[in-house]
Amino acid sequence: EAKAINKSLSALGNVVMALGKRSEQRESSSRQLSSEQQHVPFRDSKLTYFLQDSLSGSSKVLMFVNISPTAAHADETLCSLKFADRCRKTCLGMARKGNSVEQEEVAALKRQVQGL
């Protein structure tokens, strides 16, 4: 089970790195035209596949990293802090509001509720 968890977390790290490279490309493409889009390996694990919508910039993302103060877990704490640093450096973009069709449906439902 620990092996599967580590594989999923490694895949999440790869996705975070790819998203970071993609955001760097976006910034450089604003200065000059970039040739190709960076591939993000969302399908490498179930975890990253399920988080695809959240990580692709359509919502806000908050990540917590758990560390241990004991010397016995120093290696794991260091790895966790390095992962947190990679995540911190990644810019996913601004959270976007729903499209206009969804907004119109929500407004219509609100009017319907007020009419009751």
PDB file of N, CA and C in Angstrom:
ATOM      1  N   GLU A   1       0.828  -1.189   0.000  1.00  0.00           N
ATOM      2  CA  GLU A   1       0.000   0.000   0.000  1.00  0.00           C
ATOM      3  C   GLU A   1       0.875   1.257   0.000  1.00  0.00           C
ATOM      4  N   ALA A   2       1.946   1.224   0.771  1.00  0.00           N
ATOM      5  CA  ALA A   2       2.849   2.378   0.809  1.00  0.00           C
ATOM      6  C   ALA A   2       3.488   2.611  -0.552  1.00  0.00           C
ATOM      7  N   LYS A   3       3.742   1.536  -1.272  1.00  0.00           N
ATOM      8  CA  LYS A   3       4.322   1.643  -2.611  1.00  0.00           C
ATOM      9  C   LYS A   3       3.373   2.389  -3.553  1.00  0.00           C
ATOM     10  N   ALA A   4       2.082   2.031  -3.478  1.00  0.00           N
ATOM     11  CA  ALA A   4       1.075   2.672  -4.331  1.00  0.00           C
ATOM     12  C   ALA A   4       0.913   4.148  -3.975  1.00  0.00           C
ATOM     13  N   ILE A   5       0.962   4.455  -2.680  1.00  0.00           N
ATOM     14  CA  ILE A   5       0.856   5.847  -2.244  1.00  0.00           C
ATOM     15  C   ILE A   5       2.046   6.652  -2.749  1.00  0.00           C
ATOM     16  N   ASN A   6       3.240   6.090  -2.612  1.00  0.00           N
ATOM     17  CA  ASN A   6       4.434   6.790  -3.097  1.00  0.00           C
ATOM     18  C   ASN A   6       4.392   6.992  -4.602  1.00  0.00           C
ATOM     19  N   LYS A   7       3.868   6.008  -5.342  1.00  0.00           N
ATOM     20  CA  LYS A   7       3.746   6.134  -6.797  1.00  0.00           C
ATOM     21  C   LYS A   7       2.787   7.273  -7.154  1.00  0.00           C
ATOM     22  N   SER A   8       1.659   7.354  -6.440  1.00  0.00           N
ATOM     23  CA  SER A   8       0.691   8.420  -6.699  1.00  0.00           C
ATOM     24  C   SER A   8       1.262   9.788  -6.359  1.00  0.00           C
ATOM     25  N   LEU A   9       1.993   9.876  -5.252  1.00  0.00           N
ATOM     26  CA  LEU A   9       2.597  11.152  -4.879  1.00  0.00           C
ATOM     27  C   LEU A   9       3.698  11.554  -5.846  1.00  0.00           C
ATOM     28  N   SER A  10       4.424  10.563  -6.353  1.00  0.00           N
ATOM     29  CA  SER A  10       5.439  10.849  -7.368  1.00  0.00           C
ATOM     30  C   SER A  10       4.788  11.369  -8.643  1.00  0.00           C
ATOM     31  N   ALA A  11       3.668  10.754  -9.029  1.00  0.00           N
ATOM     32  CA  ALA A  11       2.933  11.216 -10.208  1.00  0.00           C
ATOM     33  C   ALA A  11       2.396  12.622  -9.987  1.00  0.00           C
ATOM     34  N   LEU A  12       1.937  12.913  -8.761  1.00  0.00           N
ATOM     35  CA  LEU A  12       1.475  14.264  -8.446  1.00  0.00           C
ATOM     36  C   LEU A  12       2.618  15.262  -8.558  1.00  0.00           C
ATOM     37  N   GLY A  13       3.802  14.870  -8.106  1.00  0.00           N
ATOM     38  CA  GLY A  13       4.972  15.723  -8.252  1.00  0.00           C
ATOM     39  C   GLY A  13       5.304  15.992  -9.705  1.00  0.00           C
ATOM     40  N   ASN A  14       5.178  14.961 -10.557  1.00  0.00           N
ATOM     41  CA  ASN A  14       5.427  15.134 -11.991  1.00  0.00           C
ATOM     42  C   ASN A  14       4.416  16.090 -12.615  1.00  0.00           C
ATOM     43  N   VAL A  15       3.163  15.983 -12.187  1.00  0.00           N
ATOM     44  CA  VAL A  15       2.124  16.878 -12.701  1.00  0.00           C
ATOM     45  C   VAL A  15       2.409  18.313 -12.269  1.00  0.00           C
ATOM     46  N   VAL A  16       2.800  18.489 -11.012  1.00  0.00           N
ATOM     47  CA  VAL A  16       3.113  19.830 -10.517  1.00  0.00           C
ATOM     48  C   VAL A  16       4.280  20.420 -11.297  1.00  0.00           C
ATOM     49  N   MET A  17       5.304  19.597 -11.553  1.00  0.00           N
ATOM     50  CA  MET A  17       6.452  20.089 -12.331  1.00  0.00           C
ATOM     51  C   MET A  17       6.032  20.475 -13.746  1.00  0.00           C
ATOM     52  N   ALA A  18       5.200  19.635 -14.381  1.00  0.00           N
ATOM     53  CA  ALA A  18       4.747  19.932 -15.742  1.00  0.00           C
ATOM     54  C   ALA A  18       3.891  21.191 -15.769  1.00  0.00           C
ATOM     55  N   LEU A  19       3.052  21.377 -14.755  1.00  0.00           N
ATOM     56  CA  LEU A  19       2.235  22.590 -14.689  1.00  0.00           C
ATOM     57  C   LEU A  19       3.111  23.817 -14.477  1.00  0.00           C
ATOM     58  N   GLY A  20       4.178  23.654 -13.692  1.00  0.00           N
ATOM     59  CA  GLY A  20       5.116  24.755 -13.501  1.00  0.00           C
ATOM     60  C   GLY A  20       5.802  25.130 -14.796  1.00  0.00           C
ATOM     61  N   LYS A  21       6.208  24.127 -15.568  1.00  0.00           N
ATOM     62  CA  LYS A  21       6.843  24.399 -16.863  1.00  0.00           C
ATOM     63  C   LYS A  21       5.849  25.055 -17.812  1.00  0.00           C
ATOM     64  N   ARG A  22       4.591  24.611 -17.740  1.00  0.00           N
ATOM     65  CA  ARG A  22       3.554  25.188 -18.603  1.00  0.00           C
ATOM     66  C   ARG A  22       3.324  26.654 -18.256  1.00  0.00           C
ATOM     67  N   SER A  23       3.312  26.961 -16.960  1.00  0.00           N
ATOM     68  CA  SER A  23       3.105  28.361 -16.571  1.00  0.00           C
ATOM     69  C   SER A  23       4.306  29.216 -16.971  1.00  0.00           C
ATOM     70  N   GLU A  24       5.513  28.642 -16.897  1.00  0.00           N
ATOM     71  CA  GLU A  24       6.695  29.371 -17.365  1.00  0.00           C
ATOM     72  C   GLU A  24       6.603  29.622 -18.865  1.00  0.00           C
ATOM     73  N   GLN A  25       6.114  28.627 -19.615  1.00  0.00           N
ATOM     74  CA  GLN A  25       5.950  28.801 -21.067  1.00  0.00           C
ATOM     75  C   GLN A  25       4.936  29.894 -21.352  1.00  0.00           C
ATOM     76  N   ARG A  26       3.857  29.930 -20.563  1.00  0.00           N
ATOM     77  CA  ARG A  26       2.837  30.950 -20.766  1.00  0.00           C
ATOM     78  C   ARG A  26       3.409  32.338 -20.554  1.00  0.00           C
ATOM     79  N   GLU A  27       4.240  32.473 -19.506  1.00  0.00           N
ATOM     80  CA  GLU A  27       4.853  33.770 -19.239  1.00  0.00           C
ATOM     81  C   GLU A  27       5.815  34.160 -20.352  1.00  0.00           C
ATOM     82  N   SER A  28       6.609  33.213 -20.833  1.00  0.00           N
ATOM     83  CA  SER A  28       7.557  33.539 -21.899  1.00  0.00           C
ATOM     84  C   SER A  28       6.847  33.739 -23.226  1.00  0.00           C
ATOM     85  N   SER A  29       5.702  33.075 -23.427  1.00  0.00           N
ATOM     86  CA  SER A  29       4.976  33.248 -24.686  1.00  0.00           C
ATOM     87  C   SER A  29       4.315  34.611 -24.753  1.00  0.00           C
ATOM     88  N   SER A  30       4.084  35.228 -23.586  1.00  0.00           N
ATOM     89  CA  SER A  30       3.539  36.582 -23.627  1.00  0.00           C
ATOM     90  C   SER A  30       4.593  37.554 -24.150  1.00  0.00           C
ATOM     91  N   ARG A  31       5.865  37.193 -23.913  1.00  0.00           N
ATOM     92  CA  ARG A  31       6.951  38.014 -24.437  1.00  0.00           C
ATOM     93  C   ARG A  31       7.277  37.664 -25.880  1.00  0.00           C
ATOM     94  N   GLN A  32       7.211  36.366 -26.184  1.00  0.00           N
ATOM     95  CA  GLN A  32       7.484  35.907 -27.540  1.00  0.00           C
ATOM     96  C   GLN A  32       6.633  34.672 -27.814  1.00  0.00           C
ATOM     97  N   LEU A  33       6.345  34.377 -29.043  1.00  0.00           N
ATOM     98  CA  LEU A  33       5.487  33.256 -29.387  1.00  0.00           C
ATOM     99  C   LEU A  33       6.200  31.937 -29.127  1.00  0.00           C
ATOM    100  N   SER A  34       5.581  31.062 -28.330  1.00  0.00           N
ATOM    101  CA  SER A  34       6.151  29.755 -28.003  1.00  0.00           C
ATOM    102  C   SER A  34       5.631  28.719 -28.993  1.00  0.00           C
ATOM    103  N   SER A  35       6.428  27.691 -29.265  1.00  0.00           N
ATOM    104  CA  SER A  35       6.076  26.734 -30.308  1.00  0.00           C
ATOM    105  C   SER A  35       5.074  25.682 -29.861  1.00  0.00           C
ATOM    106  N   GLU A  36       5.328  24.977 -28.744  1.00  0.00           N
ATOM    107  CA  GLU A  36       4.436  23.885 -28.382  1.00  0.00           C
ATOM    108  C   GLU A  36       4.065  23.920 -26.914  1.00  0.00           C
ATOM    109  N   GLN A  37       2.934  23.275 -26.593  1.00  0.00           N
ATOM    110  CA  GLN A  37       2.400  23.225 -25.244  1.00  0.00           C
ATOM    111  C   GLN A  37       3.040  22.078 -24.467  1.00  0.00           C
ATOM    112  N   GLN A  38       3.329  22.279 -23.201  1.00  0.00           N
ATOM    113  CA  GLN A  38       3.918  21.256 -22.338  1.00  0.00           C
ATOM    114  C   GLN A  38       2.861  20.207 -22.000  1.00  0.00           C
ATOM    115  N   HIS A  39       3.211  18.914 -22.141  1.00  0.00           N
ATOM    116  CA  HIS A  39       2.302  17.815 -21.801  1.00  0.00           C
ATOM    117  C   HIS A  39       2.244  17.651 -20.285  1.00  0.00           C
ATOM    118  N   VAL A  40       1.037  17.504 -19.737  1.00  0.00           N
ATOM    119  CA  VAL A  40       0.862  17.274 -18.306  1.00  0.00           C
ATOM    120  C   VAL A  40       0.341  15.848 -18.130  1.00  0.00           C
ATOM    121  N   PRO A  41       1.091  14.979 -17.433  1.00  0.00           N
ATOM    122  CA  PRO A  41       0.742  13.560 -17.329  1.00  0.00           C
ATOM    123  C   PRO A  41      -0.327  13.272 -16.269  1.00  0.00           C
ATOM    124  N   PHE A  42      -1.559  13.753 -16.486  1.00  0.00           N
ATOM    125  CA  PHE A  42      -2.633  13.530 -15.522  1.00  0.00           C
ATOM    126  C   PHE A  42      -3.025  12.058 -15.417  1.00  0.00           C
ATOM    127  N   ARG A  43      -2.828  11.270 -16.455  1.00  0.00           N
ATOM    128  CA  ARG A  43      -3.288   9.884 -16.457  1.00  0.00           C
ATOM    129  C   ARG A  43      -2.285   8.890 -15.878  1.00  0.00           C
ATOM    130  N   ASP A  44      -1.222   9.383 -15.270  1.00  0.00           N
ATOM    131  CA  ASP A  44      -0.217   8.475 -14.708  1.00  0.00           C
ATOM    132  C   ASP A  44      -0.667   7.801 -13.417  1.00  0.00           C
ATOM    133  N   SER A  45      -1.652   8.366 -12.743  1.00  0.00           N
ATOM    134  CA  SER A  45      -2.188   7.731 -11.535  1.00  0.00           C
ATOM    135  C   SER A  45      -3.643   8.140 -11.362  1.00  0.00           C
ATOM    136  N   LYS A  46      -4.350   7.379 -10.539  1.00  0.00           N
ATOM    137  CA  LYS A  46      -5.753   7.705 -10.276  1.00  0.00           C
ATOM    138  C   LYS A  46      -5.868   9.049  -9.550  1.00  0.00           C
ATOM    139  N   LEU A  47      -4.934   9.302  -8.650  1.00  0.00           N
ATOM    140  CA  LEU A  47      -4.955  10.555  -7.902  1.00  0.00           C
ATOM    141  C   LEU A  47      -4.892  11.764  -8.825  1.00  0.00           C
ATOM    142  N   THR A  48      -3.925  11.771  -9.726  1.00  0.00           N
ATOM    143  CA  THR A  48      -3.775  12.919 -10.621  1.00  0.00           C
ATOM    144  C   THR A  48      -4.919  12.988 -11.632  1.00  0.00           C
ATOM    145  N   TYR A  49      -5.447  11.830 -12.018  1.00  0.00           N
ATOM    146  CA  TYR A  49      -6.575  11.816 -12.947  1.00  0.00           C
ATOM    147  C   TYR A  49      -7.801  12.460 -12.287  1.00  0.00           C
ATOM    148  N   PHE A  50      -8.050  12.122 -11.011  1.00  0.00           N
ATOM    149  CA  PHE A  50      -9.198  12.695 -10.319  1.00  0.00           C
ATOM    150  C   PHE A  50      -9.008  14.175 -10.006  1.00  0.00           C
ATOM    151  N   LEU A  51      -7.765  14.607  -9.828  1.00  0.00           N
ATOM    152  CA  LEU A  51      -7.479  16.008  -9.520  1.00  0.00           C
ATOM    153  C   LEU A  51      -7.293  16.874 -10.760  1.00  0.00           C
ATOM    154  N   GLN A  52      -7.458  16.303 -11.937  1.00  0.00           N
ATOM    155  CA  GLN A  52      -7.191  17.014 -13.181  1.00  0.00           C
ATOM    156  C   GLN A  52      -7.971  18.317 -13.280  1.00  0.00           C
ATOM    157  N   ASP A  53      -9.256  18.296 -12.993  1.00  0.00           N
ATOM    158  CA  ASP A  53     -10.065  19.522 -13.094  1.00  0.00           C
ATOM    159  C   ASP A  53      -9.594  20.577 -12.099  1.00  0.00           C
ATOM    160  N   SER A  54      -9.235  20.146 -10.906  1.00  0.00           N
ATOM    161  CA  SER A  54      -8.780  21.090  -9.882  1.00  0.00           C
ATOM    162  C   SER A  54      -7.423  21.680 -10.216  1.00  0.00           C
ATOM    163  N   LEU A  55      -6.537  20.868 -10.761  1.00  0.00           N
ATOM    164  CA  LEU A  55      -5.177  21.327 -11.023  1.00  0.00           C
ATOM    165  C   LEU A  55      -5.017  22.047 -12.352  1.00  0.00           C
ATOM    166  N   SER A  56      -5.999  21.944 -13.232  1.00  0.00           N
ATOM    167  CA  SER A  56      -5.841  22.537 -14.559  1.00  0.00           C
ATOM    168  C   SER A  56      -6.263  24.005 -14.620  1.00  0.00           C
ATOM    169  N   GLY A  57      -6.500  24.627 -13.473  1.00  0.00           N
ATOM    170  CA  GLY A  57      -6.724  26.063 -13.458  1.00  0.00           C
ATOM    171  C   GLY A  57      -8.166  26.496 -13.408  1.00  0.00           C
ATOM    172  N   SER A  58      -9.109  25.566 -13.296  1.00  0.00           N
ATOM    173  CA  SER A  58     -10.501  25.970 -13.264  1.00  0.00           C
ATOM    174  C   SER A  58     -11.031  26.129 -11.841  1.00  0.00           C
ATOM    175  N   SER A  59     -10.175  25.961 -10.844  1.00  0.00           N
ATOM    176  CA  SER A  59     -10.594  26.136  -9.455  1.00  0.00           C
ATOM    177  C   SER A  59      -9.397  26.511  -8.598  1.00  0.00           C
ATOM    178  N   LYS A  60      -9.672  26.874  -7.363  1.00  0.00           N
ATOM    179  CA  LYS A  60      -8.590  27.218  -6.444  1.00  0.00           C
ATOM    180  C   LYS A  60      -8.034  25.942  -5.831  1.00  0.00           C
ATOM    181  N   VAL A  61      -6.729  25.910  -5.605  1.00  0.00           N
ATOM    182  CA  VAL A  61      -6.064  24.732  -5.054  1.00  0.00           C
ATOM    183  C   VAL A  61      -5.284  25.146  -3.820  1.00  0.00           C
ATOM    184  N   LEU A  62      -5.427  24.378  -2.763  1.00  0.00           N
ATOM    185  CA  LEU A  62      -4.687  24.603  -1.535  1.00  0.00           C
ATOM    186  C   LEU A  62      -4.058  23.278  -1.144  1.00  0.00           C
ATOM    187  N   MET A  63      -2.758  23.279  -0.896  1.00  0.00           N
ATOM    188  CA  MET A  63      -2.074  22.038  -0.573  1.00  0.00           C
ATOM    189  C   MET A  63      -1.430  22.156   0.800  1.00  0.00           C
ATOM    190  N   PHE A  64      -1.634  21.130   1.625  1.00  0.00           N
ATOM    191  CA  PHE A  64      -1.023  21.043   2.940  1.00  0.00           C
ATOM    192  C   PHE A  64       0.046  19.965   2.914  1.00  0.00           C
ATOM    193  N   VAL A  65       1.139  20.214   3.602  1.00  0.00           N
ATOM    194  CA  VAL A  65       2.212  19.236   3.710  1.00  0.00           C
ATOM    195  C   VAL A  65       2.426  18.959   5.184  1.00  0.00           C
ATOM    196  N   ASN A  66       2.413  17.679   5.534  1.00  0.00           N
ATOM    197  CA  ASN A  66       2.594  17.271   6.917  1.00  0.00           C
ATOM    198  C   ASN A  66       4.054  16.904   7.149  1.00  0.00           C
ATOM    199  N   ILE A  67       4.668  17.518   8.153  1.00  0.00           N
ATOM    200  CA  ILE A  67       6.066  17.216   8.461  1.00  0.00           C
ATOM    201  C   ILE A  67       6.179  16.782   9.911  1.00  0.00           C
ATOM    202  N   SER A  68       7.280  16.117  10.224  1.00  0.00           N
ATOM    203  CA  SER A  68       7.512  15.614  11.570  1.00  0.00           C
ATOM    204  C   SER A  68       8.707  16.325  12.193  1.00  0.00           C
ATOM    205  N   PRO A  69       8.617  16.688  13.480  1.00  0.00           N
ATOM    206  CA  PRO A  69       9.735  17.364  14.131  1.00  0.00           C
ATOM    207  C   PRO A  69      10.826  16.411  14.641  1.00  0.00           C
ATOM    208  N   THR A  70      10.597  15.109  14.557  1.00  0.00           N
ATOM    209  CA  THR A  70      11.565  14.160  15.110  1.00  0.00           C
ATOM    210  C   THR A  70      12.686  13.878  14.125  1.00  0.00           C
ATOM    211  N   ALA A  71      13.854  13.601  14.670  1.00  0.00           N
ATOM    212  CA  ALA A  71      15.032  13.314  13.847  1.00  0.00           C
ATOM    213  C   ALA A  71      14.874  12.001  13.084  1.00  0.00           C
ATOM    214  N   ALA A  72      14.081  11.094  13.614  1.00  0.00           N
ATOM    215  CA  ALA A  72      13.894   9.791  12.953  1.00  0.00           C
ATOM    216  C   ALA A  72      13.212   9.935  11.597  1.00  0.00           C
ATOM    217  N   HIS A  73      12.436  10.999  11.426  1.00  0.00           N
ATOM    218  CA  HIS A  73      11.700  11.212  10.172  1.00  0.00           C
ATOM    219  C   HIS A  73      12.274  12.363   9.360  1.00  0.00           C
ATOM    220  N   ALA A  74      13.530  12.695   9.575  1.00  0.00           N
ATOM    221  CA  ALA A  74      14.152  13.842   8.906  1.00  0.00           C
ATOM    222  C   ALA A  74      14.171  13.684   7.391  1.00  0.00           C
ATOM    223  N   ASP A  75      14.439  12.468   6.891  1.00  0.00           N
ATOM    224  CA  ASP A  75      14.476  12.253   5.434  1.00  0.00           C
ATOM    225  C   ASP A  75      13.115  12.496   4.802  1.00  0.00           C
ATOM    226  N   GLU A  76      12.061  11.958   5.420  1.00  0.00           N
ATOM    227  CA  GLU A  76      10.712  12.146   4.886  1.00  0.00           C
ATOM    228  C   GLU A  76      10.295  13.614   4.973  1.00  0.00           C
ATOM    229  N   THR A  77      10.670  14.280   6.064  1.00  0.00           N
ATOM    230  CA  THR A  77      10.355  15.699   6.222  1.00  0.00           C
ATOM    231  C   THR A  77      11.037  16.528   5.146  1.00  0.00           C
ATOM    232  N   LEU A  78      12.292  16.210   4.862  1.00  0.00           N
ATOM    233  CA  LEU A  78      13.027  16.935   3.828  1.00  0.00           C
ATOM    234  C   LEU A  78      12.377  16.740   2.459  1.00  0.00           C
ATOM    235  N   CYS A  79      11.997  15.502   2.148  1.00  0.00           N
ATOM    236  CA  CYS A  79      11.310  15.234   0.870  1.00  0.00           C
ATOM    237  C   CYS A  79       9.986  15.987   0.795  1.00  0.00           C
ATOM    238  N   SER A  80       9.256  16.010   1.905  1.00  0.00           N
ATOM    239  CA  SER A  80       7.976  16.728   1.939  1.00  0.00           C
ATOM    240  C   SER A  80       8.175  18.222   1.725  1.00  0.00           C
ATOM    241  N   LEU A  81       9.204  18.781   2.342  1.00  0.00           N
ATOM    242  CA  LEU A  81       9.470  20.207   2.182  1.00  0.00           C
ATOM    243  C   LEU A  81       9.920  20.553   0.768  1.00  0.00           C
ATOM    244  N   LYS A  82      10.689  19.667   0.143  1.00  0.00           N
ATOM    245  CA  LYS A  82      11.092  19.891  -1.253  1.00  0.00           C
ATOM    246  C   LYS A  82       9.871  19.854  -2.167  1.00  0.00           C
ATOM    247  N   PHE A  83       8.965  18.903  -1.907  1.00  0.00           N
ATOM    248  CA  PHE A  83       7.732  18.815  -2.691  1.00  0.00           C
ATOM    249  C   PHE A  83       6.893  20.073  -2.502  1.00  0.00           C
ATOM    250  N   ALA A  84       6.787  20.545  -1.252  1.00  0.00           N
ATOM    251  CA  ALA A  84       6.018  21.761  -0.976  1.00  0.00           C
ATOM    252  C   ALA A  84       6.625  22.957  -1.694  1.00  0.00           C
ATOM    253  N   ASP A  85       7.948  23.003  -1.759  1.00  0.00           N
ATOM    254  CA  ASP A  85       8.614  24.105  -2.456  1.00  0.00           C
ATOM    255  C   ASP A  85       8.303  24.071  -3.951  1.00  0.00           C
ATOM    256  N   ARG A  86       8.305  22.859  -4.538  1.00  0.00           N
ATOM    257  CA  ARG A  86       7.946  22.746  -5.963  1.00  0.00           C
ATOM    258  C   ARG A  86       6.517  23.205  -6.191  1.00  0.00           C
ATOM    259  N   CYS A  87       5.618  22.820  -5.273  1.00  0.00           N
ATOM    260  CA  CYS A  87       4.219  23.235  -5.414  1.00  0.00           C
ATOM    261  C   CYS A  87       4.074  24.741  -5.278  1.00  0.00           C
ATOM    262  N   ARG A  88       4.824  25.322  -4.350  1.00  0.00           N
ATOM    263  CA  ARG A  88       4.738  26.768  -4.119  1.00  0.00           C
ATOM    264  C   ARG A  88       5.186  27.556  -5.336  1.00  0.00           C
ATOM    265  N   LYS A  89       6.145  27.034  -6.064  1.00  0.00           N
ATOM    266  CA  LYS A  89       6.672  27.733  -7.232  1.00  0.00           C
ATOM    267  C   LYS A  89       5.781  27.594  -8.463  1.00  0.00           C
ATOM    268  N   THR A  90       4.777  26.741  -8.372  1.00  0.00           N
ATOM    269  CA  THR A  90       3.897  26.494  -9.513  1.00  0.00           C
ATOM    270  C   THR A  90       2.720  27.451  -9.495  1.00  0.00           C
ATOM    271  N   CYS A  91       2.516  28.126 -10.611  1.00  0.00           N
ATOM    272  CA  CYS A  91       1.381  29.030 -10.754  1.00  0.00           C
ATOM    273  C   CYS A  91       0.367  28.359 -11.676  1.00  0.00           C
ATOM    274  N   LEU A  92      -0.812  28.074 -11.143  1.00  0.00           N
ATOM    275  CA  LEU A  92      -1.837  27.398 -11.934  1.00  0.00           C
ATOM    276  C   LEU A  92      -2.720  28.375 -12.690  1.00  0.00           C
ATOM    277  N   GLY A  93      -2.623  29.634 -12.415  1.00  0.00           N
ATOM    278  CA  GLY A  93      -3.470  30.634 -13.066  1.00  0.00           C
ATOM    279  C   GLY A  93      -4.616  31.022 -12.154  1.00  0.00           C
ATOM    280  N   MET A  94      -5.415  31.926 -12.625  1.00  0.00           N
ATOM    281  CA  MET A  94      -6.541  32.423 -11.847  1.00  0.00           C
ATOM    282  C   MET A  94      -7.707  31.451 -11.935  1.00  0.00           C
ATOM    283  N   ALA A  95      -8.441  31.317 -10.846  1.00  0.00           N
ATOM    284  CA  ALA A  95      -9.650  30.501 -10.868  1.00  0.00           C
ATOM    285  C   ALA A  95     -10.672  31.193 -11.767  1.00  0.00           C
ATOM    286  N   ARG A  96     -11.334  30.413 -12.594  1.00  0.00           N
ATOM    287  CA  ARG A  96     -12.308  30.976 -13.528  1.00  0.00           C
ATOM    288  C   ARG A  96     -13.722  30.725 -13.035  1.00  0.00           C
ATOM    289  N   LYS A  97     -14.583  31.680 -13.288  1.00  0.00           N
ATOM    290  CA  LYS A  97     -15.991  31.486 -12.967  1.00  0.00           C
ATOM    291  C   LYS A  97     -16.596  30.581 -14.022  1.00  0.00           C
ATOM    292  N   GLY A  98     -17.764  30.024 -13.711  1.00  0.00           N
ATOM    293  CA  GLY A  98     -18.451  29.153 -14.660  1.00  0.00           C
ATOM    294  C   GLY A  98     -18.769  29.880 -15.951  1.00  0.00           C
ATOM    295  N   ASN A  99     -19.034  29.118 -17.000  1.00  0.00           N
ATOM    296  CA  ASN A  99     -19.314  29.760 -18.286  1.00  0.00           C
ATOM    297  C   ASN A  99     -20.675  30.457 -18.240  1.00  0.00           C
ATOM    298  N   SER A 100     -20.972  31.242 -19.241  1.00  0.00           N
ATOM    299  CA  SER A 100     -22.179  32.063 -19.237  1.00  0.00           C
ATOM    300  C   SER A 100     -23.456  31.226 -19.239  1.00  0.00           C
ATOM    301  N   VAL A 101     -23.421  30.033 -19.847  1.00  0.00           N
ATOM    302  CA  VAL A 101     -24.596  29.163 -19.855  1.00  0.00           C
ATOM    303  C   VAL A 101     -24.921  28.731 -18.434  1.00  0.00           C
ATOM    304  N   GLU A 102     -23.881  28.332 -17.677  1.00  0.00           N
ATOM    305  CA  GLU A 102     -24.093  27.942 -16.291  1.00  0.00           C
ATOM    306  C   GLU A 102     -24.594  29.116 -15.468  1.00  0.00           C
ATOM    307  N   GLN A 103     -24.044  30.298 -15.697  1.00  0.00           N
ATOM    308  CA  GLN A 103     -24.466  31.477 -14.953  1.00  0.00           C
ATOM    309  C   GLN A 103     -25.919  31.814 -15.250  1.00  0.00           C
ATOM    310  N   GLU A 104     -26.329  31.662 -16.511  1.00  0.00           N
ATOM    311  CA  GLU A 104     -27.720  31.914 -16.881  1.00  0.00           C
ATOM    312  C   GLU A 104     -28.657  30.915 -16.212  1.00  0.00           C
ATOM    313  N   GLU A 105     -28.242  29.636 -16.150  1.00  0.00           N
ATOM    314  CA  GLU A 105     -29.064  28.622 -15.495  1.00  0.00           C
ATOM    315  C   GLU A 105     -29.203  28.907 -14.012  1.00  0.00           C
ATOM    316  N   VAL A 106     -28.114  29.308 -13.371  1.00  0.00           N
ATOM    317  CA  VAL A 106     -28.150  29.632 -11.944  1.00  0.00           C
ATOM    318  C   VAL A 106     -29.061  30.829 -11.711  1.00  0.00           C
ATOM    319  N   ALA A 107     -28.966  31.851 -12.548  1.00  0.00           N
ATOM    320  CA  ALA A 107     -29.815  33.029 -12.408  1.00  0.00           C
ATOM    321  C   ALA A 107     -31.289  32.661 -12.590  1.00  0.00           C
ATOM    322  N   ALA A 108     -31.584  31.804 -13.561  1.00  0.00           N
ATOM    323  CA  ALA A 108     -32.969  31.378 -13.801  1.00  0.00           C
ATOM    324  C   ALA A 108     -33.500  30.600 -12.599  1.00  0.00           C
ATOM    325  N   LEU A 109     -32.673  29.730 -12.028  1.00  0.00           N
ATOM    326  CA  LEU A 109     -33.101  28.964 -10.861  1.00  0.00           C
ATOM    327  C   LEU A 109     -33.314  29.873  -9.651  1.00  0.00           C
ATOM    328  N   LYS A 110     -32.473  30.890  -9.499  1.00  0.00           N
ATOM    329  CA  LYS A 110     -32.659  31.839  -8.400  1.00  0.00           C
ATOM    330  C   LYS A 110     -33.965  32.593  -8.548  1.00  0.00           C
ATOM    331  N   ARG A 111     -34.282  33.007  -9.791  1.00  0.00           N
ATOM    332  CA  ARG A 111     -35.557  33.710 -10.036  1.00  0.00           C
ATOM    333  C   ARG A 111     -36.731  32.786  -9.722  1.00  0.00           C
ATOM    334  N   GLN A 112     -36.607  31.520 -10.084  1.00  0.00           N
ATOM    335  CA  GLN A 112     -37.658  30.553  -9.834  1.00  0.00           C
ATOM    336  C   GLN A 112     -37.856  30.361  -8.338  1.00  0.00           C
ATOM    337  N   VAL A 113     -36.788  30.286  -7.572  1.00  0.00           N
ATOM    338  CA  VAL A 113     -36.888  30.124  -6.118  1.00  0.00           C
ATOM    339  C   VAL A 113     -37.518  31.358  -5.492  1.00  0.00           C
ATOM    340  N   GLN A 114     -37.145  32.549  -5.960  1.00  0.00           N
ATOM    341  CA  GLN A 114     -37.719  33.771  -5.413  1.00  0.00           C
ATOM    342  C   GLN A 114     -39.203  33.864  -5.704  1.00  0.00           C
ATOM    343  N   GLY A 115     -39.643  33.277  -6.812  1.00  0.00           N
ATOM    344  CA  GLY A 115     -41.049  33.301  -7.178  1.00  0.00           C
ATOM    345  C   GLY A 115     -41.913  32.366  -6.334  1.00  0.00           C
ATOM    346  N   LEU A 116     -41.283  31.449  -5.620  1.00  0.00           N
ATOM    347  CA  LEU A 116     -42.043  30.501  -4.801  1.00  0.00           C
ATOM    348  C   LEU A 116     -42.542  31.099  -3.546  1.00  0.00           C
TER     349      LEU A 116
END
